[in-house]
């Protein structure tokens, strides 16, 4: 079973995204900010990461850059999931190495479909 790391500072958003992914048959780990995410990635080696952008301590852009510049994690797909929905935000997320960008609010089918597609590779 594939393991997803959900990195989201909002408890309600984190719970909603986690429940959606669990209901679609995935194993879910959670982190509430970028630094916690980095620690979690070292311990649990997720198959894919759903990453918020606006977070305390380390934002999603920084986390994504760090992951994509590390040979151990550069091939782990990253889905940026953010309320920053402007075209520039999407462009900048992809420039940091994100594999997909989903703007909040999103349709559950969009998130699940994107995650499953990236897991299939």
C-alpha atoms as a PDB file:
ATOM      1  CA  UNK A   1       0.000   0.000   0.000  1.00  0.00           C
ATOM      2  CA  UNK A   2       1.354   3.439  -0.920  1.00  0.00           C
ATOM      3  CA  UNK A   3       2.315   5.881   1.815  1.00  0.00           C
ATOM      4  CA  UNK A   4       1.367   9.565   1.556  1.00  0.00           C
ATOM      5  CA  UNK A   5       2.773  12.355   3.716  1.00  0.00           C
ATOM      6  CA  UNK A   6       0.290  15.215   4.160  1.00  0.00           C
ATOM      7  CA  UNK A   7       2.019  18.444   5.202  1.00  0.00           C
ATOM      8  CA  UNK A   8      -0.563  21.044   6.250  1.00  0.00           C
ATOM      9  CA  UNK A   9      -0.576  23.526   9.146  1.00  0.00           C
ATOM     10  CA  UNK A  10      -4.389  23.773   9.362  1.00  0.00           C
ATOM     11  CA  UNK A  11      -5.717  20.929  11.527  1.00  0.00           C
ATOM     12  CA  UNK A  12      -9.097  20.817   9.751  1.00  0.00           C
ATOM     13  CA  UNK A  13      -7.499  20.786   6.266  1.00  0.00           C
ATOM     14  CA  UNK A  14      -4.947  18.165   7.366  1.00  0.00           C
ATOM     15  CA  UNK A  15      -7.734  15.945   8.734  1.00  0.00           C
ATOM     16  CA  UNK A  16      -9.918  16.362   5.631  1.00  0.00           C
ATOM     17  CA  UNK A  17      -7.070  15.581   3.201  1.00  0.00           C
ATOM     18  CA  UNK A  18      -5.916  12.623   5.335  1.00  0.00           C
ATOM     19  CA  UNK A  19      -9.435  11.165   5.488  1.00  0.00           C
ATOM     20  CA  UNK A  20      -9.891  11.521   1.718  1.00  0.00           C
ATOM     21  CA  UNK A  21      -6.630   9.698   1.026  1.00  0.00           C
ATOM     22  CA  UNK A  22      -7.244   6.984   3.648  1.00  0.00           C
ATOM     23  CA  UNK A  23     -10.725   6.390   2.214  1.00  0.00           C
ATOM     24  CA  UNK A  24      -9.144   5.816  -1.191  1.00  0.00           C
ATOM     25  CA  UNK A  25      -6.910   3.054   0.215  1.00  0.00           C
ATOM     26  CA  UNK A  26      -3.679   4.882   0.999  1.00  0.00           C
ATOM     27  CA  UNK A  27      -1.603   4.919   4.191  1.00  0.00           C
ATOM     28  CA  UNK A  28      -1.256   8.474   5.522  1.00  0.00           C
ATOM     29  CA  UNK A  29       1.350  10.167   7.716  1.00  0.00           C
ATOM     30  CA  UNK A  30       0.921  13.834   8.691  1.00  0.00           C
ATOM     31  CA  UNK A  31       3.140  16.796   9.514  1.00  0.00           C
ATOM     32  CA  UNK A  32       2.045  20.266  10.581  1.00  0.00           C
ATOM     33  CA  UNK A  33       4.918  22.288   9.110  1.00  0.00           C
ATOM     34  CA  UNK A  34       7.955  22.062   6.857  1.00  0.00           C
ATOM     35  CA  UNK A  35      10.493  21.159   9.528  1.00  0.00           C
ATOM     36  CA  UNK A  36       8.284  18.386  10.889  1.00  0.00           C
ATOM     37  CA  UNK A  37       7.832  17.180   7.304  1.00  0.00           C
ATOM     38  CA  UNK A  38      11.602  16.866   6.764  1.00  0.00           C
ATOM     39  CA  UNK A  39      11.940  14.791   9.958  1.00  0.00           C
ATOM     40  CA  UNK A  40       8.988  12.607   8.936  1.00  0.00           C
ATOM     41  CA  UNK A  41      10.448  12.036   5.451  1.00  0.00           C
ATOM     42  CA  UNK A  42      13.760  10.858   6.973  1.00  0.00           C
ATOM     43  CA  UNK A  43      11.920   8.346   9.203  1.00  0.00           C
ATOM     44  CA  UNK A  44       9.096   7.114   6.970  1.00  0.00           C
ATOM     45  CA  UNK A  45      10.208   7.560   3.333  1.00  0.00           C
ATOM     46  CA  UNK A  46       6.782   8.346   1.821  1.00  0.00           C
ATOM     47  CA  UNK A  47       5.869   7.379  -1.738  1.00  0.00           C
ATOM     48  CA  UNK A  48       4.300  10.799  -2.377  1.00  0.00           C
ATOM     49  CA  UNK A  49       3.933  14.117  -0.524  1.00  0.00           C
ATOM     50  CA  UNK A  50       0.928  16.469  -0.457  1.00  0.00           C
ATOM     51  CA  UNK A  51       2.430  19.806   0.541  1.00  0.00           C
ATOM     52  CA  UNK A  52       0.861  23.089   1.645  1.00  0.00           C
ATOM     53  CA  UNK A  53       2.814  26.256   0.814  1.00  0.00           C
ATOM     54  CA  UNK A  54       2.005  28.768   3.563  1.00  0.00           C
ATOM     55  CA  UNK A  55       3.262  27.217   6.816  1.00  0.00           C
ATOM     56  CA  UNK A  56       5.272  28.297   9.865  1.00  0.00           C
ATOM     57  CA  UNK A  57       9.016  27.566  10.283  1.00  0.00           C
ATOM     58  CA  UNK A  58       9.593  26.344   6.694  1.00  0.00           C
ATOM     59  CA  UNK A  59       7.240  26.966   3.776  1.00  0.00           C
ATOM     60  CA  UNK A  60       6.259  24.474   1.096  1.00  0.00           C
ATOM     61  CA  UNK A  61       8.498  26.033  -1.549  1.00  0.00           C
ATOM     62  CA  UNK A  62      11.541  25.532   0.723  1.00  0.00           C
ATOM     63  CA  UNK A  63      10.549  21.948   1.530  1.00  0.00           C
ATOM     64  CA  UNK A  64      10.062  21.132  -2.155  1.00  0.00           C
ATOM     65  CA  UNK A  65      13.435  22.652  -3.142  1.00  0.00           C
ATOM     66  CA  UNK A  66      15.165  20.699  -0.368  1.00  0.00           C
ATOM     67  CA  UNK A  67      13.541  17.406  -1.427  1.00  0.00           C
ATOM     68  CA  UNK A  68      14.214  17.872  -5.126  1.00  0.00           C
ATOM     69  CA  UNK A  69      17.888  18.774  -4.529  1.00  0.00           C
ATOM     70  CA  UNK A  70      18.520  15.630  -2.429  1.00  0.00           C
ATOM     71  CA  UNK A  71      19.326  12.458  -4.442  1.00  0.00           C
ATOM     72  CA  UNK A  72      17.515  10.323  -1.819  1.00  0.00           C
ATOM     73  CA  UNK A  73      14.223  12.200  -2.195  1.00  0.00           C
ATOM     74  CA  UNK A  74      14.369  13.854  -5.624  1.00  0.00           C
ATOM     75  CA  UNK A  75      12.157  11.188  -7.225  1.00  0.00           C
ATOM     76  CA  UNK A  76       9.404  11.365  -4.596  1.00  0.00           C
ATOM     77  CA  UNK A  77       6.426  13.088  -6.257  1.00  0.00           C
ATOM     78  CA  UNK A  78       5.271  16.337  -4.623  1.00  0.00           C
ATOM     79  CA  UNK A  79       1.725  17.670  -4.989  1.00  0.00           C
ATOM     80  CA  UNK A  80       1.509  21.275  -3.857  1.00  0.00           C
ATOM     81  CA  UNK A  81      -1.923  21.940  -2.427  1.00  0.00           C
ATOM     82  CA  UNK A  82      -2.447  25.569  -1.538  1.00  0.00           C
ATOM     83  CA  UNK A  83      -4.942  28.391  -1.228  1.00  0.00           C
ATOM     84  CA  UNK A  84      -2.454  30.395  -3.327  1.00  0.00           C
ATOM     85  CA  UNK A  85      -4.296  29.769  -6.575  1.00  0.00           C
ATOM     86  CA  UNK A  86      -2.948  32.427  -8.907  1.00  0.00           C
ATOM     87  CA  UNK A  87      -1.180  31.418 -12.102  1.00  0.00           C
ATOM     88  CA  UNK A  88       2.097  32.800 -10.731  1.00  0.00           C
ATOM     89  CA  UNK A  89       1.801  30.624  -7.595  1.00  0.00           C
ATOM     90  CA  UNK A  90       1.257  27.554  -9.747  1.00  0.00           C
ATOM     91  CA  UNK A  91       4.196  28.509 -11.970  1.00  0.00           C
ATOM     92  CA  UNK A  92       6.478  29.123  -8.981  1.00  0.00           C
ATOM     93  CA  UNK A  93       5.458  25.825  -7.351  1.00  0.00           C
ATOM     94  CA  UNK A  94       6.333  23.913 -10.502  1.00  0.00           C
ATOM     95  CA  UNK A  95       9.646  25.823 -10.750  1.00  0.00           C
ATOM     96  CA  UNK A  96      10.527  24.552  -7.257  1.00  0.00           C
ATOM     97  CA  UNK A  97      10.134  21.011  -8.549  1.00  0.00           C
ATOM     98  CA  UNK A  98       6.523  20.178  -7.704  1.00  0.00           C
ATOM     99  CA  UNK A  99       5.041  17.400  -9.831  1.00  0.00           C
ATOM    100  CA  UNK A 100       1.497  18.799  -9.575  1.00  0.00           C
ATOM    101  CA  UNK A 101      -0.271  21.858  -8.162  1.00  0.00           C
ATOM    102  CA  UNK A 102      -3.810  21.864  -6.802  1.00  0.00           C
ATOM    103  CA  UNK A 103      -5.475  25.095  -5.658  1.00  0.00           C
ATOM    104  CA  UNK A 104      -7.779  25.073  -2.616  1.00  0.00           C
ATOM    105  CA  UNK A 105     -10.651  24.695  -2.473  1.00  0.00           C
ATOM    106  CA  UNK A 106     -10.421  21.572  -4.617  1.00  0.00           C
ATOM    107  CA  UNK A 107     -12.718  18.733  -5.562  1.00  0.00           C
ATOM    108  CA  UNK A 108     -11.856  15.498  -3.693  1.00  0.00           C
ATOM    109  CA  UNK A 109     -11.706  13.603  -7.000  1.00  0.00           C
ATOM    110  CA  UNK A 110      -9.048  16.048  -8.264  1.00  0.00           C
ATOM    111  CA  UNK A 111      -6.728  15.380  -5.313  1.00  0.00           C
ATOM    112  CA  UNK A 112      -7.225  11.612  -5.284  1.00  0.00           C
ATOM    113  CA  UNK A 113      -6.882  11.374  -9.059  1.00  0.00           C
ATOM    114  CA  UNK A 114      -3.681  13.426  -9.073  1.00  0.00           C
ATOM    115  CA  UNK A 115      -2.109  11.424  -6.223  1.00  0.00           C
ATOM    116  CA  UNK A 116      -3.002   8.061  -7.785  1.00  0.00           C
ATOM    117  CA  UNK A 117      -1.771   9.142 -11.214  1.00  0.00           C
ATOM    118  CA  UNK A 118       1.608  10.229  -9.793  1.00  0.00           C
ATOM    119  CA  UNK A 119       1.912   6.996  -7.800  1.00  0.00           C
ATOM    120  CA  UNK A 120       1.453   5.006 -11.007  1.00  0.00           C
ATOM    121  CA  UNK A 121       4.349   7.024 -12.396  1.00  0.00           C
END
